């Protein structure tokens, strides 16, 4: 069994990794939108993660990393949690602008902080570090109220509910992967992730989506390949490597940069026009994350 290095404060390499991940993950919401007109969301998700599984398996043929036989259930749970979170994200994004999706998902570190407090020794919440969580939640509520003013209230509420549920799943994945990455090679975790998410998404898509409307447009397939190879296999692999180096609460704060990139990309390139209330909510979420980042660094 491999042993991960002791978590430490991020240095230049870690900050460079944060910047790369923030750029890739922040723009992925726009790229997800590319395939939506021609592919049902769960089908697009399945294709994305089957690409991840294939890429990771090809790498494993070269690496030949040993697979611990007694960890199958943990690997399956990790993949199932990720499948639930990503499925909810893809579904929720069909009714919510990509700029606001990125900011709502930025509340993930706040949920991570609560889960890390409960499950990871040494990463505890205090009264002072709880206040940023309250600010972030208030911001998410304002974003939701702002979207209600812009269109179909019921559709937006369902979409926000899906994104919030995705946040909770994502927080669980991050806390769970912090423990799992100390015991498994990253390439095996990626392969398992691709297989489980891909198969779960195919099954869900077959049950609830109309495959007859799917069209294999070249630009949609290119977006799937980019999301699978870069945003999932490459970025998630790099995230898992960084996760061995620093505490999970510090790693989770990269969502601040991701949210900023997502909001800017959605407004500038995606044609999003969020209401004043939603913009104020974004400011509160980002302020809560900034505050949380500062508190973590000062601990």
C-alpha atoms as a PDB file:
ATOM      1  CA  UNK A   1       0.000   0.000   0.000  1.00  0.00           C
ATOM      2  CA  UNK A   2       1.404   3.402  -0.951  1.00  0.00           C
ATOM      3  CA  UNK A   3       1.649   6.170   1.604  1.00  0.00           C
ATOM      4  CA  UNK A   4       0.938   9.773   0.646  1.00  0.00           C
ATOM      5  CA  UNK A   5       3.269  12.586   1.675  1.00  0.00           C
ATOM      6  CA  UNK A   6       2.182  14.605   4.692  1.00  0.00           C
ATOM      7  CA  UNK A   7      -0.079  17.531   3.690  1.00  0.00           C
ATOM      8  CA  UNK A   8       1.717  20.885   3.651  1.00  0.00           C
ATOM      9  CA  UNK A   9       1.061  24.478   2.692  1.00  0.00           C
ATOM     10  CA  UNK A  10       0.972  25.084  -1.075  1.00  0.00           C
ATOM     11  CA  UNK A  11       4.101  26.369  -2.813  1.00  0.00           C
ATOM     12  CA  UNK A  12       4.831  27.646  -6.340  1.00  0.00           C
ATOM     13  CA  UNK A  13       4.120  24.280  -7.994  1.00  0.00           C
ATOM     14  CA  UNK A  14       0.804  23.912  -6.197  1.00  0.00           C
ATOM     15  CA  UNK A  15      -0.287  27.447  -7.111  1.00  0.00           C
ATOM     16  CA  UNK A  16       0.606  26.800 -10.755  1.00  0.00           C
ATOM     17  CA  UNK A  17      -1.510  23.653 -10.546  1.00  0.00           C
ATOM     18  CA  UNK A  18      -4.370  25.635  -9.029  1.00  0.00           C
ATOM     19  CA  UNK A  19      -4.212  28.149 -11.897  1.00  0.00           C
ATOM     20  CA  UNK A  20      -4.288  25.414 -14.532  1.00  0.00           C
ATOM     21  CA  UNK A  21      -7.170  23.605 -12.891  1.00  0.00           C
ATOM     22  CA  UNK A  22      -9.081  26.847 -12.399  1.00  0.00           C
ATOM     23  CA  UNK A  23      -8.794  27.710 -16.083  1.00  0.00           C
ATOM     24  CA  UNK A  24      -9.735  24.242 -17.337  1.00  0.00           C
ATOM     25  CA  UNK A  25     -12.572  23.621 -14.884  1.00  0.00           C
ATOM     26  CA  UNK A  26     -13.831  27.199 -15.084  1.00  0.00           C
ATOM     27  CA  UNK A  27     -14.326  27.016 -18.855  1.00  0.00           C
ATOM     28  CA  UNK A  28     -15.737  23.473 -18.876  1.00  0.00           C
ATOM     29  CA  UNK A  29     -19.291  24.735 -18.257  1.00  0.00           C
ATOM     30  CA  UNK A  30     -19.227  26.597 -21.558  1.00  0.00           C
ATOM     31  CA  UNK A  31     -17.856  23.503 -23.298  1.00  0.00           C
ATOM     32  CA  UNK A  32     -20.602  21.351 -21.749  1.00  0.00           C
ATOM     33  CA  UNK A  33     -23.151  23.715 -23.313  1.00  0.00           C
ATOM     34  CA  UNK A  34     -21.682  23.030 -26.762  1.00  0.00           C
ATOM     35  CA  UNK A  35     -23.073  19.492 -26.949  1.00  0.00           C
ATOM     36  CA  UNK A  36     -26.424  20.200 -25.297  1.00  0.00           C
ATOM     37  CA  UNK A  37     -28.343  21.008 -28.515  1.00  0.00           C
ATOM     38  CA  UNK A  38     -27.546  17.601 -30.056  1.00  0.00           C
ATOM     39  CA  UNK A  39     -26.864  15.220 -27.138  1.00  0.00           C
ATOM     40  CA  UNK A  40     -29.003  14.485 -24.053  1.00  0.00           C
ATOM     41  CA  UNK A  41     -27.063  15.511 -20.921  1.00  0.00           C
ATOM     42  CA  UNK A  42     -26.580  12.039 -19.408  1.00  0.00           C
ATOM     43  CA  UNK A  43     -25.526  10.598 -22.772  1.00  0.00           C
ATOM     44  CA  UNK A  44     -22.935  13.372 -23.121  1.00  0.00           C
ATOM     45  CA  UNK A  45     -21.706  12.627 -19.589  1.00  0.00           C
ATOM     46  CA  UNK A  46     -21.429   8.910 -20.377  1.00  0.00           C
ATOM     47  CA  UNK A  47     -19.376   9.552 -23.508  1.00  0.00           C
ATOM     48  CA  UNK A  48     -17.091  11.931 -21.609  1.00  0.00           C
ATOM     49  CA  UNK A  49     -16.230   9.414 -18.909  1.00  0.00           C
ATOM     50  CA  UNK A  50     -15.902   6.459 -21.248  1.00  0.00           C
ATOM     51  CA  UNK A  51     -13.164   8.542 -22.895  1.00  0.00           C
ATOM     52  CA  UNK A  52     -11.596   8.910 -19.431  1.00  0.00           C
ATOM     53  CA  UNK A  53     -11.767   5.142 -18.866  1.00  0.00           C
ATOM     54  CA  UNK A  54     -10.168   4.362 -22.227  1.00  0.00           C
ATOM     55  CA  UNK A  55      -7.354   6.900 -21.752  1.00  0.00           C
ATOM     56  CA  UNK A  56      -6.576   5.698 -18.220  1.00  0.00           C
ATOM     57  CA  UNK A  57      -6.631   2.035 -19.277  1.00  0.00           C
ATOM     58  CA  UNK A  58      -4.161   2.727 -22.090  1.00  0.00           C
ATOM     59  CA  UNK A  59      -1.862   4.395 -19.559  1.00  0.00           C
ATOM     60  CA  UNK A  60      -2.236   1.447 -17.168  1.00  0.00           C
ATOM     61  CA  UNK A  61      -1.098  -0.960 -19.891  1.00  0.00           C
ATOM     62  CA  UNK A  62       2.232   0.877 -19.795  1.00  0.00           C
ATOM     63  CA  UNK A  63       2.418   1.642 -16.063  1.00  0.00           C
ATOM     64  CA  UNK A  64       1.228  -1.804 -14.875  1.00  0.00           C
ATOM     65  CA  UNK A  65       0.309  -0.442 -11.450  1.00  0.00           C
ATOM     66  CA  UNK A  66      -0.812  -3.114  -8.930  1.00  0.00           C
ATOM     67  CA  UNK A  67      -4.479  -3.047  -7.915  1.00  0.00           C
ATOM     68  CA  UNK A  68      -5.189  -3.819  -4.238  1.00  0.00           C
ATOM     69  CA  UNK A  69      -7.877  -6.564  -4.310  1.00  0.00           C
ATOM     70  CA  UNK A  70      -9.457  -5.528  -0.990  1.00  0.00           C
ATOM     71  CA  UNK A  71     -10.473  -2.034  -2.123  1.00  0.00           C
ATOM     72  CA  UNK A  72     -13.091  -2.802  -4.773  1.00  0.00           C
ATOM     73  CA  UNK A  73     -16.020  -1.479  -2.756  1.00  0.00           C
ATOM     74  CA  UNK A  74     -14.220   1.784  -1.937  1.00  0.00           C
ATOM     75  CA  UNK A  75     -13.385   2.301  -5.609  1.00  0.00           C
ATOM     76  CA  UNK A  76     -17.003   1.582  -6.565  1.00  0.00           C
ATOM     77  CA  UNK A  77     -18.329   4.039  -3.961  1.00  0.00           C
ATOM     78  CA  UNK A  78     -15.900   6.713  -5.186  1.00  0.00           C
ATOM     79  CA  UNK A  79     -17.102   6.269  -8.759  1.00  0.00           C
ATOM     80  CA  UNK A  80     -20.791   6.153  -7.786  1.00  0.00           C
ATOM     81  CA  UNK A  81     -20.516   9.381  -5.770  1.00  0.00           C
ATOM     82  CA  UNK A  82     -18.818  11.078  -8.696  1.00  0.00           C
ATOM     83  CA  UNK A  83     -21.463   9.748 -11.096  1.00  0.00           C
ATOM     84  CA  UNK A  84     -24.244  11.199  -8.954  1.00  0.00           C
ATOM     85  CA  UNK A  85     -22.545  14.594  -8.685  1.00  0.00           C
ATOM     86  CA  UNK A  86     -21.718  14.885 -12.381  1.00  0.00           C
ATOM     87  CA  UNK A  87     -25.144  13.628 -13.453  1.00  0.00           C
ATOM     88  CA  UNK A  88     -26.849  16.277 -11.335  1.00  0.00           C
ATOM     89  CA  UNK A  89     -24.473  18.930 -12.711  1.00  0.00           C
ATOM     90  CA  UNK A  90     -25.213  18.053 -16.344  1.00  0.00           C
ATOM     91  CA  UNK A  91     -28.944  17.917 -15.696  1.00  0.00           C
ATOM     92  CA  UNK A  92     -29.036  21.152 -13.698  1.00  0.00           C
ATOM     93  CA  UNK A  93     -27.012  23.027 -16.297  1.00  0.00           C
ATOM     94  CA  UNK A  94     -29.743  22.527 -18.903  1.00  0.00           C
ATOM     95  CA  UNK A  95     -31.760  25.237 -17.125  1.00  0.00           C
ATOM     96  CA  UNK A  96     -29.125  27.471 -15.505  1.00  0.00           C
ATOM     97  CA  UNK A  97     -26.601  29.822 -17.203  1.00  0.00           C
ATOM     98  CA  UNK A  98     -23.053  28.487 -17.208  1.00  0.00           C
ATOM     99  CA  UNK A  99     -21.742  31.613 -15.444  1.00  0.00           C
ATOM    100  CA  UNK A 100     -24.001  31.002 -12.432  1.00  0.00           C
ATOM    101  CA  UNK A 101     -23.439  27.231 -12.428  1.00  0.00           C
ATOM    102  CA  UNK A 102     -19.727  27.817 -11.863  1.00  0.00           C
ATOM    103  CA  UNK A 103     -20.363  30.168  -8.948  1.00  0.00           C
ATOM    104  CA  UNK A 104     -22.963  27.910  -7.311  1.00  0.00           C
ATOM    105  CA  UNK A 105     -20.512  25.014  -7.548  1.00  0.00           C
ATOM    106  CA  UNK A 106     -17.948  27.260  -5.889  1.00  0.00           C
ATOM    107  CA  UNK A 107     -19.770  26.613  -2.628  1.00  0.00           C
ATOM    108  CA  UNK A 108     -18.270  23.103  -2.728  1.00  0.00           C
ATOM    109  CA  UNK A 109     -15.308  24.126  -0.496  1.00  0.00           C
ATOM    110  CA  UNK A 110     -17.793  25.261   2.138  1.00  0.00           C
ATOM    111  CA  UNK A 111     -19.409  21.829   2.151  1.00  0.00           C
ATOM    112  CA  UNK A 112     -15.938  20.231   2.043  1.00  0.00           C
ATOM    113  CA  UNK A 113     -14.976  22.169   5.166  1.00  0.00           C
ATOM    114  CA  UNK A 114     -17.968  20.752   7.044  1.00  0.00           C
ATOM    115  CA  UNK A 115     -17.304  17.184   5.856  1.00  0.00           C
ATOM    116  CA  UNK A 116     -13.569  17.444   6.513  1.00  0.00           C
ATOM    117  CA  UNK A 117     -14.386  18.606  10.043  1.00  0.00           C
ATOM    118  CA  UNK A 118     -16.360  15.409  10.556  1.00  0.00           C
ATOM    119  CA  UNK A 119     -14.174  12.867   8.762  1.00  0.00           C
ATOM    120  CA  UNK A 120     -10.549  14.080   8.403  1.00  0.00           C
ATOM    121  CA  UNK A 121      -8.386  14.446  11.534  1.00  0.00           C
ATOM    122  CA  UNK A 122      -6.583  17.772  11.791  1.00  0.00           C
ATOM    123  CA  UNK A 123      -8.980  19.699   9.533  1.00  0.00           C
ATOM    124  CA  UNK A 124     -11.404  21.141  12.080  1.00  0.00           C
ATOM    125  CA  UNK A 125     -13.833  24.039  11.896  1.00  0.00           C
ATOM    126  CA  UNK A 126     -13.787  26.795  14.510  1.00  0.00           C
ATOM    127  CA  UNK A 127     -16.313  29.530  15.269  1.00  0.00           C
ATOM    128  CA  UNK A 128     -14.195  31.977  13.271  1.00  0.00           C
ATOM    129  CA  UNK A 129     -13.894  29.743  10.200  1.00  0.00           C
ATOM    130  CA  UNK A 130     -17.634  29.018  10.204  1.00  0.00           C
ATOM    131  CA  UNK A 131     -18.577  32.632   9.376  1.00  0.00           C
ATOM    132  CA  UNK A 132     -17.366  32.462   5.728  1.00  0.00           C
ATOM    133  CA  UNK A 133     -19.647  29.473   5.215  1.00  0.00           C
ATOM    134  CA  UNK A 134     -22.652  31.560   6.252  1.00  0.00           C
ATOM    135  CA  UNK A 135     -21.678  34.320   3.788  1.00  0.00           C
ATOM    136  CA  UNK A 136     -21.311  31.810   0.946  1.00  0.00           C
ATOM    137  CA  UNK A 137     -24.682  30.199   1.627  1.00  0.00           C
ATOM    138  CA  UNK A 138     -26.345  33.635   1.699  1.00  0.00           C
ATOM    139  CA  UNK A 139     -24.787  34.367  -1.694  1.00  0.00           C
ATOM    140  CA  UNK A 140     -26.120  31.131  -3.162  1.00  0.00           C
ATOM    141  CA  UNK A 141     -29.597  32.046  -1.942  1.00  0.00           C
ATOM    142  CA  UNK A 142     -29.402  35.459  -3.612  1.00  0.00           C
ATOM    143  CA  UNK A 143     -28.286  33.866  -6.887  1.00  0.00           C
ATOM    144  CA  UNK A 144     -31.348  31.641  -6.759  1.00  0.00           C
ATOM    145  CA  UNK A 145     -33.695  34.538  -6.006  1.00  0.00           C
ATOM    146  CA  UNK A 146     -32.135  36.535  -8.840  1.00  0.00           C
ATOM    147  CA  UNK A 147     -32.772  33.736 -11.318  1.00  0.00           C
ATOM    148  CA  UNK A 148     -36.400  33.502 -10.181  1.00  0.00           C
ATOM    149  CA  UNK A 149     -36.845  37.116 -11.303  1.00  0.00           C
ATOM    150  CA  UNK A 150     -35.530  36.328 -14.792  1.00  0.00           C
ATOM    151  CA  UNK A 151     -37.804  33.499 -15.979  1.00  0.00           C
ATOM    152  CA  UNK A 152     -39.509  30.231 -15.121  1.00  0.00           C
ATOM    153  CA  UNK A 153     -39.394  29.968 -11.316  1.00  0.00           C
ATOM    154  CA  UNK A 154     -40.085  26.228 -11.115  1.00  0.00           C
ATOM    155  CA  UNK A 155     -37.483  25.354 -13.770  1.00  0.00           C
ATOM    156  CA  UNK A 156     -34.820  27.439 -12.060  1.00  0.00           C
ATOM    157  CA  UNK A 157     -35.599  25.990  -8.631  1.00  0.00           C
ATOM    158  CA  UNK A 158     -35.286  22.435  -9.962  1.00  0.00           C
ATOM    159  CA  UNK A 159     -32.021  23.361 -11.673  1.00  0.00           C
ATOM    160  CA  UNK A 160     -30.624  24.983  -8.532  1.00  0.00           C
ATOM    161  CA  UNK A 161     -31.705  21.963  -6.490  1.00  0.00           C
ATOM    162  CA  UNK A 162     -29.764  19.711  -8.859  1.00  0.00           C
ATOM    163  CA  UNK A 163     -26.661  21.925  -8.642  1.00  0.00           C
ATOM    164  CA  UNK A 164     -26.822  22.105  -4.831  1.00  0.00           C
ATOM    165  CA  UNK A 165     -27.164  18.311  -4.675  1.00  0.00           C
ATOM    166  CA  UNK A 166     -24.172  18.099  -7.023  1.00  0.00           C
ATOM    167  CA  UNK A 167     -22.225  20.322  -4.607  1.00  0.00           C
ATOM    168  CA  UNK A 168     -22.913  17.932  -1.732  1.00  0.00           C
ATOM    169  CA  UNK A 169     -21.860  14.939  -3.834  1.00  0.00           C
ATOM    170  CA  UNK A 170     -18.730  16.761  -4.982  1.00  0.00           C
ATOM    171  CA  UNK A 171     -17.803  17.623  -1.408  1.00  0.00           C
ATOM    172  CA  UNK A 172     -18.181  13.972  -0.442  1.00  0.00           C
ATOM    173  CA  UNK A 173     -16.029  12.915  -3.410  1.00  0.00           C
ATOM    174  CA  UNK A 174     -13.254  15.313  -2.394  1.00  0.00           C
ATOM    175  CA  UNK A 175     -13.213  14.157   1.214  1.00  0.00           C
ATOM    176  CA  UNK A 176     -13.409  10.469   0.218  1.00  0.00           C
ATOM    177  CA  UNK A 177     -10.699  10.837  -2.436  1.00  0.00           C
ATOM    178  CA  UNK A 178      -8.379  12.431   0.136  1.00  0.00           C
ATOM    179  CA  UNK A 179      -8.296   9.070   1.904  1.00  0.00           C
ATOM    180  CA  UNK A 180      -8.408   6.886  -1.213  1.00  0.00           C
ATOM    181  CA  UNK A 181      -5.536   8.639  -3.023  1.00  0.00           C
ATOM    182  CA  UNK A 182      -3.193   7.584  -0.217  1.00  0.00           C
ATOM    183  CA  UNK A 183      -3.912   3.932  -1.014  1.00  0.00           C
ATOM    184  CA  UNK A 184      -4.320   3.743  -4.800  1.00  0.00           C
ATOM    185  CA  UNK A 185      -2.309   4.907  -7.838  1.00  0.00           C
ATOM    186  CA  UNK A 186      -3.914   7.909  -9.554  1.00  0.00           C
ATOM    187  CA  UNK A 187      -4.171   6.032 -12.866  1.00  0.00           C
ATOM    188  CA  UNK A 188      -6.291   3.284 -11.289  1.00  0.00           C
ATOM    189  CA  UNK A 189      -8.554   5.841  -9.635  1.00  0.00           C
ATOM    190  CA  UNK A 190      -9.077   7.555 -13.001  1.00  0.00           C
ATOM    191  CA  UNK A 191      -9.786   4.275 -14.808  1.00  0.00           C
ATOM    192  CA  UNK A 192     -12.304   3.238 -12.153  1.00  0.00           C
ATOM    193  CA  UNK A 193     -13.856   6.701 -12.223  1.00  0.00           C
ATOM    194  CA  UNK A 194     -14.319   6.536 -15.974  1.00  0.00           C
ATOM    195  CA  UNK A 195     -15.805   3.041 -15.925  1.00  0.00           C
ATOM    196  CA  UNK A 196     -18.250   3.594 -13.063  1.00  0.00           C
ATOM    197  CA  UNK A 197     -19.407   7.076 -14.113  1.00  0.00           C
ATOM    198  CA  UNK A 198     -19.636   5.988 -17.755  1.00  0.00           C
ATOM    199  CA  UNK A 199     -21.689   2.861 -17.034  1.00  0.00           C
ATOM    200  CA  UNK A 200     -23.963   4.587 -14.503  1.00  0.00           C
ATOM    201  CA  UNK A 201     -24.595   7.433 -16.948  1.00  0.00           C
ATOM    202  CA  UNK A 202     -25.319   5.068 -19.854  1.00  0.00           C
ATOM    203  CA  UNK A 203     -27.861   3.184 -17.737  1.00  0.00           C
ATOM    204  CA  UNK A 204     -29.519   6.381 -16.489  1.00  0.00           C
ATOM    205  CA  UNK A 205     -29.589   7.838 -19.995  1.00  0.00           C
ATOM    206  CA  UNK A 206     -31.186   4.693 -21.428  1.00  0.00           C
ATOM    207  CA  UNK A 207     -33.910   4.869 -18.782  1.00  0.00           C
ATOM    208  CA  UNK A 208     -34.862   8.555 -18.928  1.00  0.00           C
ATOM    209  CA  UNK A 209     -33.562  10.108 -22.167  1.00  0.00           C
ATOM    210  CA  UNK A 210     -34.657   9.938 -25.786  1.00  0.00           C
ATOM    211  CA  UNK A 211     -31.686   8.614 -27.748  1.00  0.00           C
ATOM    212  CA  UNK A 212     -33.482   9.245 -31.039  1.00  0.00           C
ATOM    213  CA  UNK A 213     -32.759  12.977 -30.793  1.00  0.00           C
ATOM    214  CA  UNK A 214     -28.993  12.467 -30.410  1.00  0.00           C
ATOM    215  CA  UNK A 215     -26.806  13.569 -33.324  1.00  0.00           C
ATOM    216  CA  UNK A 216     -23.067  12.958 -33.608  1.00  0.00           C
ATOM    217  CA  UNK A 217     -22.100  16.439 -34.798  1.00  0.00           C
ATOM    218  CA  UNK A 218     -18.299  16.911 -35.162  1.00  0.00           C
ATOM    219  CA  UNK A 219     -18.185  19.949 -32.855  1.00  0.00           C
ATOM    220  CA  UNK A 220     -20.134  18.060 -30.192  1.00  0.00           C
ATOM    221  CA  UNK A 221     -17.759  15.088 -30.409  1.00  0.00           C
ATOM    222  CA  UNK A 222     -14.758  17.416 -30.143  1.00  0.00           C
ATOM    223  CA  UNK A 223     -16.225  18.943 -26.985  1.00  0.00           C
ATOM    224  CA  UNK A 224     -16.685  15.438 -25.534  1.00  0.00           C
ATOM    225  CA  UNK A 225     -13.072  14.542 -26.317  1.00  0.00           C
ATOM    226  CA  UNK A 226     -11.805  17.777 -24.738  1.00  0.00           C
ATOM    227  CA  UNK A 227     -13.888  17.267 -21.615  1.00  0.00           C
ATOM    228  CA  UNK A 228     -12.839  13.617 -21.338  1.00  0.00           C
ATOM    229  CA  UNK A 229      -9.115  13.962 -22.029  1.00  0.00           C
ATOM    230  CA  UNK A 230      -8.366  17.428 -20.619  1.00  0.00           C
ATOM    231  CA  UNK A 231     -11.051  18.466 -18.122  1.00  0.00           C
ATOM    232  CA  UNK A 232     -11.507  14.980 -16.631  1.00  0.00           C
ATOM    233  CA  UNK A 233      -8.503  12.671 -17.213  1.00  0.00           C
ATOM    234  CA  UNK A 234      -5.785  15.324 -17.235  1.00  0.00           C
ATOM    235  CA  UNK A 235      -7.218  17.799 -14.733  1.00  0.00           C
ATOM    236  CA  UNK A 236      -8.581  15.201 -12.312  1.00  0.00           C
ATOM    237  CA  UNK A 237      -5.291  13.298 -12.401  1.00  0.00           C
ATOM    238  CA  UNK A 238      -3.399  16.497 -11.607  1.00  0.00           C
ATOM    239  CA  UNK A 239      -5.904  17.293  -8.848  1.00  0.00           C
ATOM    240  CA  UNK A 240      -5.348  13.881  -7.243  1.00  0.00           C
ATOM    241  CA  UNK A 241      -1.586  14.376  -7.385  1.00  0.00           C
ATOM    242  CA  UNK A 242      -1.909  17.782  -5.706  1.00  0.00           C
ATOM    243  CA  UNK A 243      -4.305  16.297  -3.164  1.00  0.00           C
ATOM    244  CA  UNK A 244      -1.410  14.226  -1.817  1.00  0.00           C
ATOM    245  CA  UNK A 245       0.575  17.388  -1.136  1.00  0.00           C
ATOM    246  CA  UNK A 246      -1.781  19.760   0.694  1.00  0.00           C
ATOM    247  CA  UNK A 247      -4.832  19.570   3.002  1.00  0.00           C
ATOM    248  CA  UNK A 248      -8.176  18.976   1.299  1.00  0.00           C
ATOM    249  CA  UNK A 249      -9.573  22.280   2.610  1.00  0.00           C
ATOM    250  CA  UNK A 250      -6.723  24.171   0.934  1.00  0.00           C
ATOM    251  CA  UNK A 251      -7.192  22.233  -2.302  1.00  0.00           C
ATOM    252  CA  UNK A 252     -10.899  22.997  -2.260  1.00  0.00           C
ATOM    253  CA  UNK A 253     -10.250  26.742  -2.353  1.00  0.00           C
ATOM    254  CA  UNK A 254      -9.170  26.501  -5.989  1.00  0.00           C
ATOM    255  CA  UNK A 255     -12.922  26.629  -6.649  1.00  0.00           C
ATOM    256  CA  UNK A 256     -12.596  30.390  -6.057  1.00  0.00           C
ATOM    257  CA  UNK A 257     -10.562  30.764  -9.226  1.00  0.00           C
ATOM    258  CA  UNK A 258     -12.789  28.299 -11.067  1.00  0.00           C
ATOM    259  CA  UNK A 259     -15.861  30.359 -10.174  1.00  0.00           C
ATOM    260  CA  UNK A 260     -14.272  33.602 -11.340  1.00  0.00           C
ATOM    261  CA  UNK A 261     -13.258  32.043 -14.670  1.00  0.00           C
ATOM    262  CA  UNK A 262     -16.692  30.444 -15.115  1.00  0.00           C
ATOM    263  CA  UNK A 263     -18.534  33.696 -14.440  1.00  0.00           C
ATOM    264  CA  UNK A 264     -16.300  35.738 -16.752  1.00  0.00           C
ATOM    265  CA  UNK A 265     -16.384  33.157 -19.540  1.00  0.00           C
ATOM    266  CA  UNK A 266     -20.159  32.816 -19.323  1.00  0.00           C
ATOM    267  CA  UNK A 267     -20.743  36.563 -19.511  1.00  0.00           C
ATOM    268  CA  UNK A 268     -18.086  37.382 -22.128  1.00  0.00           C
ATOM    269  CA  UNK A 269     -18.291  34.316 -24.397  1.00  0.00           C
ATOM    270  CA  UNK A 270     -21.536  32.597 -23.436  1.00  0.00           C
ATOM    271  CA  UNK A 271     -23.871  35.576 -23.695  1.00  0.00           C
ATOM    272  CA  UNK A 272     -25.144  35.245 -20.106  1.00  0.00           C
ATOM    273  CA  UNK A 273     -26.929  38.252 -18.580  1.00  0.00           C
ATOM    274  CA  UNK A 274     -27.367  37.610 -14.833  1.00  0.00           C
ATOM    275  CA  UNK A 275     -29.679  39.877 -12.835  1.00  0.00           C
ATOM    276  CA  UNK A 276     -28.355  42.419 -10.333  1.00  0.00           C
ATOM    277  CA  UNK A 277     -29.450  40.207  -7.452  1.00  0.00           C
ATOM    278  CA  UNK A 278     -27.654  37.199  -8.914  1.00  0.00           C
ATOM    279  CA  UNK A 279     -24.494  39.271  -9.398  1.00  0.00           C
ATOM    280  CA  UNK A 280     -24.706  40.379  -5.758  1.00  0.00           C
ATOM    281  CA  UNK A 281     -25.065  36.726  -4.771  1.00  0.00           C
ATOM    282  CA  UNK A 282     -21.948  35.897  -6.806  1.00  0.00           C
ATOM    283  CA  UNK A 283     -20.053  38.622  -4.951  1.00  0.00           C
ATOM    284  CA  UNK A 284     -21.109  37.141  -1.603  1.00  0.00           C
ATOM    285  CA  UNK A 285     -20.114  33.616  -2.622  1.00  0.00           C
ATOM    286  CA  UNK A 286     -16.720  34.825  -3.821  1.00  0.00           C
ATOM    287  CA  UNK A 287     -16.288  36.906  -0.657  1.00  0.00           C
ATOM    288  CA  UNK A 288     -17.087  33.903   1.512  1.00  0.00           C
ATOM    289  CA  UNK A 289     -14.574  31.791  -0.405  1.00  0.00           C
ATOM    290  CA  UNK A 290     -11.899  34.495  -0.152  1.00  0.00           C
ATOM    291  CA  UNK A 291     -12.534  34.805   3.570  1.00  0.00           C
ATOM    292  CA  UNK A 292     -12.422  31.030   3.962  1.00  0.00           C
ATOM    293  CA  UNK A 293      -9.124  30.884   2.049  1.00  0.00           C
ATOM    294  CA  UNK A 294      -7.586  33.508   4.331  1.00  0.00           C
ATOM    295  CA  UNK A 295      -8.767  31.716   7.463  1.00  0.00           C
ATOM    296  CA  UNK A 296      -7.277  28.423   6.232  1.00  0.00           C
ATOM    297  CA  UNK A 297      -3.936  30.075   5.525  1.00  0.00           C
ATOM    298  CA  UNK A 298      -3.875  31.699   8.968  1.00  0.00           C
ATOM    299  CA  UNK A 299      -4.618  28.443  10.801  1.00  0.00           C
END
